[in-house]
Each structure stands twice: as C-alpha cells, then as structure tokens.
Amino acid sequence: MEEQSKKILICEDHQIVIDGLLSIFKTKTDYQVIGYITNGENVLNAIAKNRPDAVLLDLNLPNKNGIEILKESKELYPKIKVIVLTMYNKQNIVKKAKKHHANGFILKNCSSQDLFSALDSVFENSNFYLGKGVKNGLIETDGFLEKIKITRREKEIIQELVSGKNVPQIAETLFISAHTVETHKKNIFKKLNIHNSIDLVKLVNEKELLS
C-alpha cells in the first residue's frame, strides 16, 4: 500500500516566497501543500480546519507574532511538525523557537534540498533540525571546532555540558542514551586535549565559542 503524502501548510506573507515554495513542492510526491496563510491571526484556524502534518512558519507574519503562533500551535496540536522558515538568523530567536518546541529552523536562503532534508528529518526523528548556516549558540570564530573535526552532535553536547547539565540530563534532552552521551563526552575531551568539564568551560570562554 502506497504511503500517503504528508500535508504541508505554508504560513508566509510574501507572495514571491509562496510561489517559489509551491513550485518546489510540485517536484516532490511525498509532500503535498494543502494551502497557505498570509495573516498570523488565521494560522490556528487553518490548522484546525486542514489538520496538516507540518507547518512552514514565517516568524514575521502580520497581526500576530510568529513565536506566539508556534507556542499556541504546539500547545493545541503537539503532534504537528512546525519548521520555522525565516530571514532572521539570530541565536536568541533560534533558542526561543527550540524552547517552544519547534521541530526545525531553516533560513529562507536555504536550498530546496535543505528544505526537504528538514522535512524528512522531523518526520523520521525527534531531534531539532538546524538548517545550513543557522546560528545555534556555538560560533566558530576562528574555525577552531572545524579544525579539530567536532561533529554537530558533539557541538550539542558541548553546549549542554557548559550549561551545567550532567550525562543523564543531556541524554534526556537530546533523546539519546547516557552511554552514547558518555562516549561522545570522552571523544570531545580527547579531541580538545582536556580532562574535565572545568577545562571545557575555560576553553570555550578562551575561544569565544559560546554566544
């Protein structure tokens, strides 16, 4: 039996962006755009009426703040996937989106490949998807992290360790096992040539890796 296409609702107020998205989605049979909303006040009604599987949400909609829309949408429909699609590449906005349970965050200058990678990812797993170029709290000001081959997952764990979380807490936050966190932690310490979390904090501050 053939799997049904996932229903997508676009929440965006610029017609040229809407037209571009509609054109892109015509190339994919596993996703179907069921409509678009240009006014923030109408988003929740559109979700209630159409019951989409995922929402592409611009944060700068007329008449209602996008973060507020996100918060209310996830409270009313916790199973719906919400991917923020925005021009605003600011760490505080990314953090707010994650705090209110967005499933992903991508930029409007992303490629169609990144858009579909985001959609595929949020339907396949529970991790928060960060699009290419999105500032997520770790800034590689001198390319330090890239030089020592730190992975995206290791960056996430560095962020959590520096915030003071222990291994079980990080495992719960990232939806992975404590054993996996411990393995990543050992690899991070080895790559950075440090021995404990205090050394990690010092290195992060020295290299200005945290915003």
Protein backbone atom coordinates (compact mmCIF):
# COMPACT_ATOMS: atom_id res chain seq x y z
CA MET A 1 0.00 0.00 0.00
CA GLU A 2 1.43 3.35 -1.06
CA GLU A 3 2.14 5.80 1.74
CA GLN A 4 0.07 8.98 1.70
CA SER A 5 1.73 12.32 1.04
CA LYS A 6 2.44 14.43 4.11
CA LYS A 7 0.21 17.53 4.18
CA ILE A 8 2.06 20.86 4.38
CA LEU A 9 0.62 24.25 5.37
CA ILE A 10 2.66 27.33 4.38
CA CYS A 11 2.42 30.37 6.67
CA GLU A 12 4.10 33.21 4.79
CA ASP A 13 3.06 36.72 3.76
CA HIS A 14 5.31 37.32 0.74
CA GLN A 15 3.70 36.03 -2.43
CA ILE A 16 7.01 35.56 -4.25
CA VAL A 17 8.17 33.22 -1.47
CA ILE A 18 4.87 31.36 -1.53
CA ASP A 19 5.07 30.94 -5.33
CA GLY A 20 8.63 29.64 -5.01
CA LEU A 21 7.64 27.10 -2.37
CA LEU A 22 4.64 25.92 -4.38
CA SER A 23 6.88 25.40 -7.37
CA ILE A 24 9.43 23.45 -5.31
CA PHE A 25 6.81 21.16 -3.77
CA LYS A 26 5.48 20.22 -7.21
CA THR A 27 8.67 18.20 -7.65
CA LYS A 28 8.01 16.02 -4.56
CA THR A 29 5.27 13.41 -4.42
CA ASP A 30 5.75 12.59 -0.73
CA TYR A 31 4.72 16.11 0.33
CA GLN A 32 1.57 17.98 -0.64
CA VAL A 33 0.88 21.67 0.01
CA ILE A 34 -2.73 21.92 1.18
CA GLY A 35 -2.79 25.71 1.40
CA TYR A 36 -1.07 28.87 2.51
CA ILE A 37 -1.85 31.52 5.10
CA THR A 38 -0.64 35.12 4.86
CA ASN A 39 -2.08 36.51 8.12
CA GLY A 40 -0.87 35.43 11.55
CA GLU A 41 -4.37 35.64 13.06
CA ASN A 42 -5.61 32.94 10.68
CA VAL A 43 -2.96 30.29 11.27
CA LEU A 44 -4.61 28.41 14.15
CA ASN A 45 -7.95 28.29 12.35
CA ALA A 46 -6.24 26.96 9.24
CA ILE A 47 -4.54 24.25 11.28
CA ALA A 48 -7.82 23.29 12.94
CA LYS A 49 -9.61 23.13 9.59
CA ASN A 50 -6.96 21.41 7.47
CA ARG A 51 -5.05 19.33 10.06
CA PRO A 52 -1.69 19.48 8.25
CA ASP A 53 1.15 17.14 9.14
CA ALA A 54 3.64 20.01 9.08
CA VAL A 55 3.66 23.80 9.06
CA LEU A 56 6.30 26.01 7.46
CA LEU A 57 6.12 29.08 9.68
CA ASP A 58 7.49 32.53 8.90
CA LEU A 59 8.07 34.44 12.16
CA ASN A 60 7.22 37.85 10.70
CA LEU A 61 3.54 37.48 9.84
CA PRO A 62 1.06 40.38 10.01
CA ASN A 63 -1.09 40.77 13.14
CA LYS A 64 0.47 38.03 15.27
CA ASN A 65 3.98 37.21 16.44
CA GLY A 66 5.41 34.02 14.95
CA ILE A 67 6.79 32.72 18.24
CA GLU A 68 3.36 33.17 19.80
CA ILE A 69 1.82 31.24 16.90
CA LEU A 70 4.39 28.49 17.39
CA LYS A 71 3.71 28.26 21.11
CA GLU A 72 -0.08 28.09 20.71
CA SER A 73 0.12 25.65 17.79
CA LYS A 74 2.24 23.19 19.74
CA GLU A 75 0.06 23.51 22.84
CA LEU A 76 -3.10 22.75 20.87
CA TYR A 77 -1.61 20.27 18.40
CA PRO A 78 1.53 18.76 19.96
CA LYS A 79 1.96 16.16 17.22
CA ILE A 80 2.12 18.68 14.40
CA LYS A 81 5.58 19.37 12.97
CA VAL A 82 6.49 23.05 12.87
CA ILE A 83 9.53 24.21 10.93
CA VAL A 84 10.46 27.85 11.25
CA LEU A 85 11.32 29.38 7.86
CA THR A 86 12.75 32.85 8.33
CA MET A 87 15.27 35.50 7.35
CA TYR A 88 16.24 36.08 10.99
CA ASN A 89 19.45 34.23 11.74
CA LYS A 90 19.84 35.19 15.38
CA GLN A 91 20.75 32.83 18.19
CA ASN A 92 18.17 34.19 20.63
CA ILE A 93 15.41 33.55 18.09
CA VAL A 94 16.64 30.01 17.43
CA LYS A 95 16.65 29.37 21.18
CA LYS A 96 13.11 30.73 21.55
CA ALA A 97 11.91 28.52 18.69
CA LYS A 98 13.50 25.47 20.29
CA LYS A 99 12.12 26.40 23.72
CA HIS A 100 8.58 26.44 22.32
CA HIS A 101 9.07 23.04 20.67
CA ALA A 102 9.65 23.93 17.03
CA ASN A 103 10.85 20.85 15.18
CA GLY A 104 13.26 22.69 12.93
CA PHE A 105 14.70 26.05 11.98
CA ILE A 106 15.81 26.90 8.42
CA LEU A 107 16.62 30.10 6.57
CA LYS A 108 14.83 31.49 3.54
CA ASN A 109 18.04 31.45 1.54
CA CYS A 110 18.31 27.68 2.00
CA SER A 111 18.28 25.30 -0.94
CA SER A 112 15.30 23.10 -1.81
CA GLN A 113 17.48 20.16 -0.77
CA ASP A 114 17.88 21.62 2.73
CA LEU A 115 14.14 22.27 2.93
CA PHE A 116 13.31 18.66 2.16
CA SER A 117 16.12 17.44 4.43
CA ALA A 118 14.43 19.38 7.23
CA LEU A 119 11.04 17.84 6.49
CA ASP A 120 12.45 14.33 6.16
CA SER A 121 14.37 14.74 9.41
CA VAL A 122 11.49 15.97 11.56
CA PHE A 123 9.26 13.12 10.41
CA GLU A 124 11.94 10.49 10.93
CA ASN A 125 13.24 11.50 14.36
CA SER A 126 12.62 13.83 17.29
CA ASN A 127 15.80 15.89 17.03
CA PHE A 128 15.58 19.64 16.50
CA TYR A 129 16.67 20.27 12.89
CA LEU A 130 19.05 23.16 12.23
CA GLY A 131 19.37 24.27 8.63
CA LYS A 132 22.64 25.16 6.99
CA GLY A 133 24.11 28.40 8.26
CA VAL A 134 21.78 28.73 11.26
CA LYS A 135 23.44 30.16 14.36
CA ASN A 136 22.80 27.69 17.15
CA GLY A 137 24.78 29.05 20.07
CA LEU A 138 28.22 27.84 19.06
CA ILE A 139 30.17 30.32 16.94
CA GLU A 140 33.30 29.09 15.27
CA THR A 141 35.05 32.44 15.22
CA ASP A 142 38.42 31.12 14.14
CA GLY A 143 37.40 27.77 12.68
CA PHE A 144 38.69 26.04 15.80
CA LEU A 145 35.93 23.44 16.04
CA GLU A 146 36.17 22.58 12.35
CA LYS A 147 39.94 22.17 12.55
CA ILE A 148 39.61 19.51 15.23
CA LYS A 149 36.70 17.77 13.47
CA ILE A 150 33.98 18.34 16.05
CA THR A 151 30.66 16.92 14.80
CA ARG A 152 27.26 18.57 15.09
CA ARG A 153 26.23 16.14 17.83
CA GLU A 154 29.45 16.85 19.75
CA LYS A 155 28.73 20.58 19.47
CA GLU A 156 25.31 19.98 21.01
CA ILE A 157 26.85 18.03 23.87
CA ILE A 158 29.48 20.75 24.44
CA GLN A 159 26.63 23.26 24.69
CA GLU A 160 24.82 21.14 27.28
CA LEU A 161 27.97 20.38 29.31
CA VAL A 162 28.89 24.05 29.52
CA SER A 163 25.35 24.86 30.67
CA GLY A 164 25.99 22.60 33.67
CA LYS A 165 23.97 19.51 32.73
CA ASN A 166 25.18 16.05 33.68
CA VAL A 167 25.21 12.96 31.45
CA PRO A 168 21.68 11.68 32.31
CA GLN A 169 20.21 15.17 31.81
CA ILE A 170 21.92 15.55 28.44
CA ALA A 171 20.69 12.11 27.39
CA GLU A 172 17.12 13.14 28.22
CA THR A 173 17.44 16.49 26.43
CA LEU A 174 18.91 15.02 23.24
CA PHE A 175 16.81 11.81 23.27
CA ILE A 176 19.85 9.53 23.26
CA SER A 177 21.23 7.02 25.78
CA ALA A 178 23.50 8.00 28.65
CA HIS A 179 26.09 5.58 27.27
CA THR A 180 26.09 7.44 23.94
CA VAL A 181 26.50 10.78 25.72
CA GLU A 182 29.38 9.39 27.77
CA THR A 183 31.09 8.10 24.62
CA HIS A 184 30.71 11.49 22.90
CA LYS A 185 31.98 13.23 26.02
CA LYS A 186 35.14 11.09 26.10
CA ASN A 187 35.73 11.77 22.41
CA ILE A 188 35.28 15.52 22.92
CA PHE A 189 37.74 15.62 25.80
CA LYS A 190 40.25 13.61 23.76
CA LYS A 191 39.93 15.87 20.71
CA LEU A 192 40.25 19.03 22.81
CA ASN A 193 43.03 17.56 24.94
CA ILE A 194 41.22 18.34 28.19
CA HIS A 195 40.35 16.25 31.25
CA ASN A 196 37.13 17.62 32.77
CA SER A 197 34.20 19.99 32.34
CA ILE A 198 36.03 22.83 34.09
CA ASP A 199 38.72 22.66 31.40
CA LEU A 200 35.95 22.62 28.79
CA VAL A 201 34.38 25.81 30.16
CA LYS A 202 37.77 27.54 30.20
CA LEU A 203 38.44 26.53 26.61
CA VAL A 204 35.01 27.63 25.44
CA ASN A 205 35.48 31.03 27.06
CA GLU A 206 39.00 31.38 25.72
CA LYS A 207 37.96 30.59 22.16
CA GLU A 208 34.66 32.52 22.47
CA LEU A 209 32.74 29.54 21.19
CA LEU A 210 29.55 30.40 23.04
CA SER A 211 27.37 33.36 22.25
